Amino acid sequence: MGTKNILAGVLGCCFLLFWSISGCSSENQPAVDTAAEDHINVPFTKHGSLTMSRDGVVFREIAIEIADSDSSRTRGLMQRDKLPADSGMLFIFESETQQGFWMANTRLALDLVFIRTDGSVQSISKYVQPMSLDTVLSDGPAQYVLEVEAGYVDSVGLTEGDQIQWTALDASDAP
């Protein structure tokens, strides 16, 4: 009887040890609660305005945030649930080159407008899916990229070749 109790105790200890060790595995732990971080909604901050024109006629003006540093370009429109009507984010790069964007941690579906150094629309990627790690590339060299909510490009009729101009509130970032 004593041997059975010792054997049961040893087996019980082994089970508890196995259970506690397996509980330490990162695979078995519940995901870290990032709900608070996931529900942060970064507010829109107007840095300037942007106009869209065709044949010299302005057909739309929007408010823009400007992303012109590595950190602001990396963050982009992450942690946004929506944008105000007629607004977007303008990414400014050092030089004209093929641009690539991904939607990791971006909760909004977006239209991406790739813009040449001269302000002409080079290419457009519409309805880019949120939270995707796929890279969306410009069809050629671009120095600027405008992100607006998905469907906006169609709603205003923006097309390749249209002209984009912007003015920063401090006027130092405008072309």
C-alpha atoms as a PDB file:
ATOM      1  CA  MET A   1       0.000   0.000   0.000  1.00  0.00           C
ATOM      2  CA  GLY A   2       2.867   2.380   0.831  1.00  0.00           C
ATOM      3  CA  THR A   3       4.527   1.703  -2.522  1.00  0.00           C
ATOM      4  CA  LYS A   4       1.312   2.524  -4.390  1.00  0.00           C
ATOM      5  CA  ASN A   5       0.998   5.823  -2.508  1.00  0.00           C
ATOM      6  CA  ILE A   6       4.624   6.713  -3.249  1.00  0.00           C
ATOM      7  CA  LEU A   7       4.170   5.776  -6.934  1.00  0.00           C
ATOM      8  CA  ALA A   8       0.942   7.815  -7.109  1.00  0.00           C
ATOM      9  CA  GLY A   9       2.713  10.736  -5.442  1.00  0.00           C
ATOM     10  CA  VAL A  10       5.657  10.543  -7.861  1.00  0.00           C
ATOM     11  CA  LEU A  11       3.315  10.335 -10.862  1.00  0.00           C
ATOM     12  CA  GLY A  12       1.283  13.221  -9.486  1.00  0.00           C
ATOM     13  CA  CYS A  13       4.408  15.336  -9.042  1.00  0.00           C
ATOM     14  CA  CYS A  14       5.574  14.449 -12.561  1.00  0.00           C
ATOM     15  CA  PHE A  15       2.170  15.464 -13.941  1.00  0.00           C
ATOM     16  CA  LEU A  16       2.244  18.774 -12.046  1.00  0.00           C
ATOM     17  CA  LEU A  17       5.809  19.435 -13.161  1.00  0.00           C
ATOM     18  CA  PHE A  18       4.953  18.639 -16.802  1.00  0.00           C
ATOM     19  CA  TRP A  19       1.806  20.777 -16.603  1.00  0.00           C
ATOM     20  CA  SER A  20       3.634  23.747 -15.097  1.00  0.00           C
ATOM     21  CA  ILE A  21       6.517  23.519 -17.588  1.00  0.00           C
ATOM     22  CA  SER A  22       4.180  23.274 -20.561  1.00  0.00           C
ATOM     23  CA  GLY A  23       2.282  26.265 -19.192  1.00  0.00           C
ATOM     24  CA  CYS A  24       5.481  28.325 -19.485  1.00  0.00           C
ATOM     25  CA  SER A  25       5.714  27.758 -23.204  1.00  0.00           C
ATOM     26  CA  SER A  26       4.925  30.879 -25.221  1.00  0.00           C
ATOM     27  CA  GLU A  27       2.726  28.739 -27.481  1.00  0.00           C
ATOM     28  CA  ASN A  28       0.429  27.820 -24.617  1.00  0.00           C
ATOM     29  CA  GLN A  29       0.256  31.184 -22.918  1.00  0.00           C
ATOM     30  CA  PRO A  30      -2.674  33.395 -23.736  1.00  0.00           C
ATOM     31  CA  ALA A  31      -1.840  36.266 -26.009  1.00  0.00           C
ATOM     32  CA  VAL A  32      -0.723  39.428 -24.272  1.00  0.00           C
ATOM     33  CA  ASP A  33      -3.726  41.652 -23.802  1.00  0.00           C
ATOM     34  CA  THR A  34      -3.138  44.437 -26.285  1.00  0.00           C
ATOM     35  CA  ALA A  35      -6.775  45.459 -26.353  1.00  0.00           C
ATOM     36  CA  ALA A  36      -5.967  48.812 -24.805  1.00  0.00           C
ATOM     37  CA  GLU A  37      -3.261  49.476 -27.402  1.00  0.00           C
ATOM     38  CA  ASP A  38      -5.384  48.107 -30.258  1.00  0.00           C
ATOM     39  CA  HIS A  39      -8.178  50.491 -29.380  1.00  0.00           C
ATOM     40  CA  ILE A  40      -6.025  53.598 -29.307  1.00  0.00           C
ATOM     41  CA  ASN A  41      -7.384  55.885 -31.975  1.00  0.00           C
ATOM     42  CA  VAL A  42      -4.805  58.466 -32.958  1.00  0.00           C
ATOM     43  CA  PRO A  43      -6.565  61.754 -33.732  1.00  0.00           C
ATOM     44  CA  PHE A  44      -6.134  63.536 -37.057  1.00  0.00           C
ATOM     45  CA  THR A  45      -3.852  66.579 -36.869  1.00  0.00           C
ATOM     46  CA  LYS A  46      -4.011  68.967 -39.801  1.00  0.00           C
ATOM     47  CA  HIS A  47      -0.539  69.870 -41.065  1.00  0.00           C
ATOM     48  CA  GLY A  48      -1.658  71.476 -44.309  1.00  0.00           C
ATOM     49  CA  SER A  49      -3.951  71.270 -47.314  1.00  0.00           C
ATOM     50  CA  LEU A  50      -3.725  69.486 -50.648  1.00  0.00           C
ATOM     51  CA  THR A  51      -5.451  70.231 -53.952  1.00  0.00           C
ATOM     52  CA  MET A  52      -6.267  67.890 -56.818  1.00  0.00           C
ATOM     53  CA  SER A  53      -6.534  69.421 -60.274  1.00  0.00           C
ATOM     54  CA  ARG A  54      -6.979  68.426 -63.896  1.00  0.00           C
ATOM     55  CA  ASP A  55      -6.147  70.685 -66.833  1.00  0.00           C
ATOM     56  CA  GLY A  56      -5.431  73.526 -64.404  1.00  0.00           C
ATOM     57  CA  VAL A  57      -8.832  73.294 -62.695  1.00  0.00           C
ATOM     58  CA  VAL A  58      -8.933  72.366 -58.995  1.00  0.00           C
ATOM     59  CA  PHE A  59     -11.665  69.806 -58.352  1.00  0.00           C
ATOM     60  CA  ARG A  60     -10.945  68.844 -54.714  1.00  0.00           C
ATOM     61  CA  GLU A  61      -9.151  70.196 -51.656  1.00  0.00           C
ATOM     62  CA  ILE A  62      -8.435  68.088 -48.585  1.00  0.00           C
ATOM     63  CA  ALA A  63      -6.789  68.500 -45.188  1.00  0.00           C
ATOM     64  CA  ILE A  64      -3.576  66.513 -44.776  1.00  0.00           C
ATOM     65  CA  GLU A  65      -1.250  65.230 -42.135  1.00  0.00           C
ATOM     66  CA  ILE A  66       2.339  65.186 -43.349  1.00  0.00           C
ATOM     67  CA  ALA A  67       4.652  62.234 -42.717  1.00  0.00           C
ATOM     68  CA  ASP A  68       8.155  63.429 -43.565  1.00  0.00           C
ATOM     69  CA  SER A  69      10.383  61.664 -41.037  1.00  0.00           C
ATOM     70  CA  ASP A  70      11.285  57.984 -40.788  1.00  0.00           C
ATOM     71  CA  SER A  71       9.193  57.557 -37.642  1.00  0.00           C
ATOM     72  CA  SER A  72       6.118  59.369 -38.991  1.00  0.00           C
ATOM     73  CA  ARG A  73       6.307  57.460 -42.298  1.00  0.00           C
ATOM     74  CA  THR A  74       6.643  54.150 -40.428  1.00  0.00           C
ATOM     75  CA  ARG A  75       3.634  54.897 -38.215  1.00  0.00           C
ATOM     76  CA  GLY A  76       1.529  56.263 -41.072  1.00  0.00           C
ATOM     77  CA  LEU A  77      -2.183  55.785 -40.435  1.00  0.00           C
ATOM     78  CA  MET A  78      -1.753  52.963 -37.925  1.00  0.00           C
ATOM     79  CA  GLN A  79      -4.152  52.993 -34.985  1.00  0.00           C
ATOM     80  CA  ARG A  80      -6.851  54.928 -36.823  1.00  0.00           C
ATOM     81  CA  ASP A  81     -10.457  53.806 -37.004  1.00  0.00           C
ATOM     82  CA  LYS A  82     -11.446  56.538 -39.433  1.00  0.00           C
ATOM     83  CA  LEU A  83     -10.351  59.766 -41.036  1.00  0.00           C
ATOM     84  CA  PRO A  84     -12.337  62.981 -41.153  1.00  0.00           C
ATOM     85  CA  ALA A  85     -14.145  63.634 -44.447  1.00  0.00           C
ATOM     86  CA  ASP A  86     -11.857  65.053 -47.137  1.00  0.00           C
ATOM     87  CA  SER A  87      -8.594  64.262 -45.367  1.00  0.00           C
ATOM     88  CA  GLY A  88      -5.546  62.068 -45.815  1.00  0.00           C
ATOM     89  CA  MET A  89      -1.883  61.605 -45.059  1.00  0.00           C
ATOM     90  CA  LEU A  90       0.878  62.781 -47.391  1.00  0.00           C
ATOM     91  CA  PHE A  91       4.185  60.895 -47.203  1.00  0.00           C
ATOM     92  CA  ILE A  92       7.198  62.912 -48.329  1.00  0.00           C
ATOM     93  CA  PHE A  93      10.396  61.099 -49.337  1.00  0.00           C
ATOM     94  CA  GLU A  94      13.897  62.431 -50.017  1.00  0.00           C
ATOM     95  CA  SER A  95      13.869  61.477 -53.695  1.00  0.00           C
ATOM     96  CA  GLU A  96      11.796  59.963 -56.453  1.00  0.00           C
ATOM     97  CA  THR A  97      12.060  56.167 -56.467  1.00  0.00           C
ATOM     98  CA  GLN A  98       9.746  53.178 -56.534  1.00  0.00           C
ATOM     99  CA  GLN A  99       7.745  53.279 -53.295  1.00  0.00           C
ATOM    100  CA  GLY A 100       6.461  50.274 -51.367  1.00  0.00           C
ATOM    101  CA  PHE A 101       3.814  50.355 -48.632  1.00  0.00           C
ATOM    102  CA  TRP A 102       2.270  47.722 -46.357  1.00  0.00           C
ATOM    103  CA  MET A 103      -0.766  47.862 -44.097  1.00  0.00           C
ATOM    104  CA  ALA A 104       0.503  46.153 -40.933  1.00  0.00           C
ATOM    105  CA  ASN A 105      -1.413  47.524 -37.925  1.00  0.00           C
ATOM    106  CA  THR A 106      -3.476  49.784 -40.192  1.00  0.00           C
ATOM    107  CA  ARG A 107      -7.158  49.201 -39.489  1.00  0.00           C
ATOM    108  CA  LEU A 108      -8.474  51.252 -42.421  1.00  0.00           C
ATOM    109  CA  ALA A 109      -8.740  50.070 -46.020  1.00  0.00           C
ATOM    110  CA  LEU A 110      -6.968  52.748 -48.061  1.00  0.00           C
ATOM    111  CA  ASP A 111      -6.402  54.123 -51.538  1.00  0.00           C
ATOM    112  CA  LEU A 112      -2.714  54.899 -52.187  1.00  0.00           C
ATOM    113  CA  VAL A 113      -1.876  57.669 -54.651  1.00  0.00           C
ATOM    114  CA  PHE A 114       1.745  57.632 -55.854  1.00  0.00           C
ATOM    115  CA  ILE A 115       2.912  61.087 -56.971  1.00  0.00           C
ATOM    116  CA  ARG A 116       5.936  62.120 -59.023  1.00  0.00           C
ATOM    117  CA  THR A 117       8.293  64.933 -58.041  1.00  0.00           C
ATOM    118  CA  ASP A 118       6.458  67.277 -60.448  1.00  0.00           C
ATOM    119  CA  GLY A 119       3.148  66.664 -58.618  1.00  0.00           C
ATOM    120  CA  SER A 120       1.560  64.449 -61.277  1.00  0.00           C
ATOM    121  CA  VAL A 121      -0.222  61.274 -60.176  1.00  0.00           C
ATOM    122  CA  GLN A 122       2.033  58.396 -61.246  1.00  0.00           C
ATOM    123  CA  SER A 123      -0.186  55.465 -60.201  1.00  0.00           C
ATOM    124  CA  ILE A 124      -3.029  54.569 -57.839  1.00  0.00           C
ATOM    125  CA  SER A 125      -3.673  51.435 -55.768  1.00  0.00           C
ATOM    126  CA  LYS A 126      -7.309  51.281 -54.694  1.00  0.00           C
ATOM    127  CA  TYR A 127      -8.988  49.460 -51.825  1.00  0.00           C
ATOM    128  CA  VAL A 128      -5.767  48.228 -50.217  1.00  0.00           C
ATOM    129  CA  GLN A 129      -6.777  45.776 -47.507  1.00  0.00           C
ATOM    130  CA  PRO A 130      -6.162  46.623 -43.849  1.00  0.00           C
ATOM    131  CA  MET A 131      -3.755  44.652 -41.632  1.00  0.00           C
ATOM    132  CA  SER A 132      -1.986  43.105 -44.640  1.00  0.00           C
ATOM    133  CA  LEU A 133       1.753  42.433 -44.754  1.00  0.00           C
ATOM    134  CA  ASP A 134       1.727  42.411 -48.571  1.00  0.00           C
ATOM    135  CA  THR A 135       3.802  45.205 -50.099  1.00  0.00           C
ATOM    136  CA  VAL A 136       1.968  47.552 -52.463  1.00  0.00           C
ATOM    137  CA  LEU A 137       4.390  49.028 -54.988  1.00  0.00           C
ATOM    138  CA  SER A 138       4.111  52.126 -57.131  1.00  0.00           C
ATOM    139  CA  ASP A 139       4.100  51.405 -60.871  1.00  0.00           C
ATOM    140  CA  GLY A 140       7.182  53.585 -61.248  1.00  0.00           C
ATOM    141  CA  PRO A 141       9.176  56.245 -59.434  1.00  0.00           C
ATOM    142  CA  ALA A 142       7.317  58.495 -56.994  1.00  0.00           C
ATOM    143  CA  GLN A 143       8.490  60.964 -54.365  1.00  0.00           C
ATOM    144  CA  TYR A 144       5.189  61.417 -52.549  1.00  0.00           C
ATOM    145  CA  VAL A 145       2.368  59.101 -51.533  1.00  0.00           C
ATOM    146  CA  LEU A 146      -1.110  60.174 -50.493  1.00  0.00           C
ATOM    147  CA  GLU A 147      -3.192  57.818 -48.349  1.00  0.00           C
ATOM    148  CA  VAL A 148      -6.951  58.366 -48.234  1.00  0.00           C
ATOM    149  CA  GLU A 149      -9.784  56.090 -47.126  1.00  0.00           C
ATOM    150  CA  ALA A 150     -10.651  53.339 -49.600  1.00  0.00           C
ATOM    151  CA  GLY A 151     -13.152  54.507 -52.191  1.00  0.00           C
ATOM    152  CA  TYR A 152     -12.154  58.165 -51.962  1.00  0.00           C
ATOM    153  CA  VAL A 153     -10.223  58.138 -55.244  1.00  0.00           C
ATOM    154  CA  ASP A 154     -13.278  56.759 -57.078  1.00  0.00           C
ATOM    155  CA  SER A 155     -15.647  59.162 -55.316  1.00  0.00           C
ATOM    156  CA  VAL A 156     -13.710  62.248 -56.481  1.00  0.00           C
ATOM    157  CA  GLY A 157     -12.619  60.858 -59.873  1.00  0.00           C
ATOM    158  CA  LEU A 158      -8.860  61.195 -59.317  1.00  0.00           C
ATOM    159  CA  THR A 159      -6.880  59.552 -62.141  1.00  0.00           C
ATOM    160  CA  GLU A 160      -3.289  59.049 -63.236  1.00  0.00           C
ATOM    161  CA  GLY A 161      -1.867  62.254 -64.689  1.00  0.00           C
ATOM    162  CA  ASP A 162      -3.932  64.566 -62.446  1.00  0.00           C
ATOM    163  CA  GLN A 163      -1.929  67.171 -60.537  1.00  0.00           C
ATOM    164  CA  ILE A 164      -1.406  67.312 -56.780  1.00  0.00           C
ATOM    165  CA  GLN A 165      -0.209  70.406 -54.914  1.00  0.00           C
ATOM    166  CA  TRP A 166      -0.053  71.021 -51.190  1.00  0.00           C
ATOM    167  CA  THR A 167       0.728  73.690 -48.712  1.00  0.00           C
ATOM    168  CA  ALA A 168       2.047  72.922 -45.264  1.00  0.00           C
ATOM    169  CA  LEU A 169       0.830  75.071 -42.391  1.00  0.00           C
ATOM    170  CA  ASP A 170       4.452  76.128 -41.832  1.00  0.00           C
ATOM    171  CA  ALA A 171       4.990  76.264 -45.634  1.00  0.00           C
ATOM    172  CA  SER A 172       8.426  74.604 -45.344  1.00  0.00           C
ATOM    173  CA  ASP A 173       7.328  71.158 -46.578  1.00  0.00           C
ATOM    174  CA  ALA A 174       5.464  72.212 -49.729  1.00  0.00           C
ATOM    175  CA  PRO A 175       6.980  71.531 -53.156  1.00  0.00           C
END
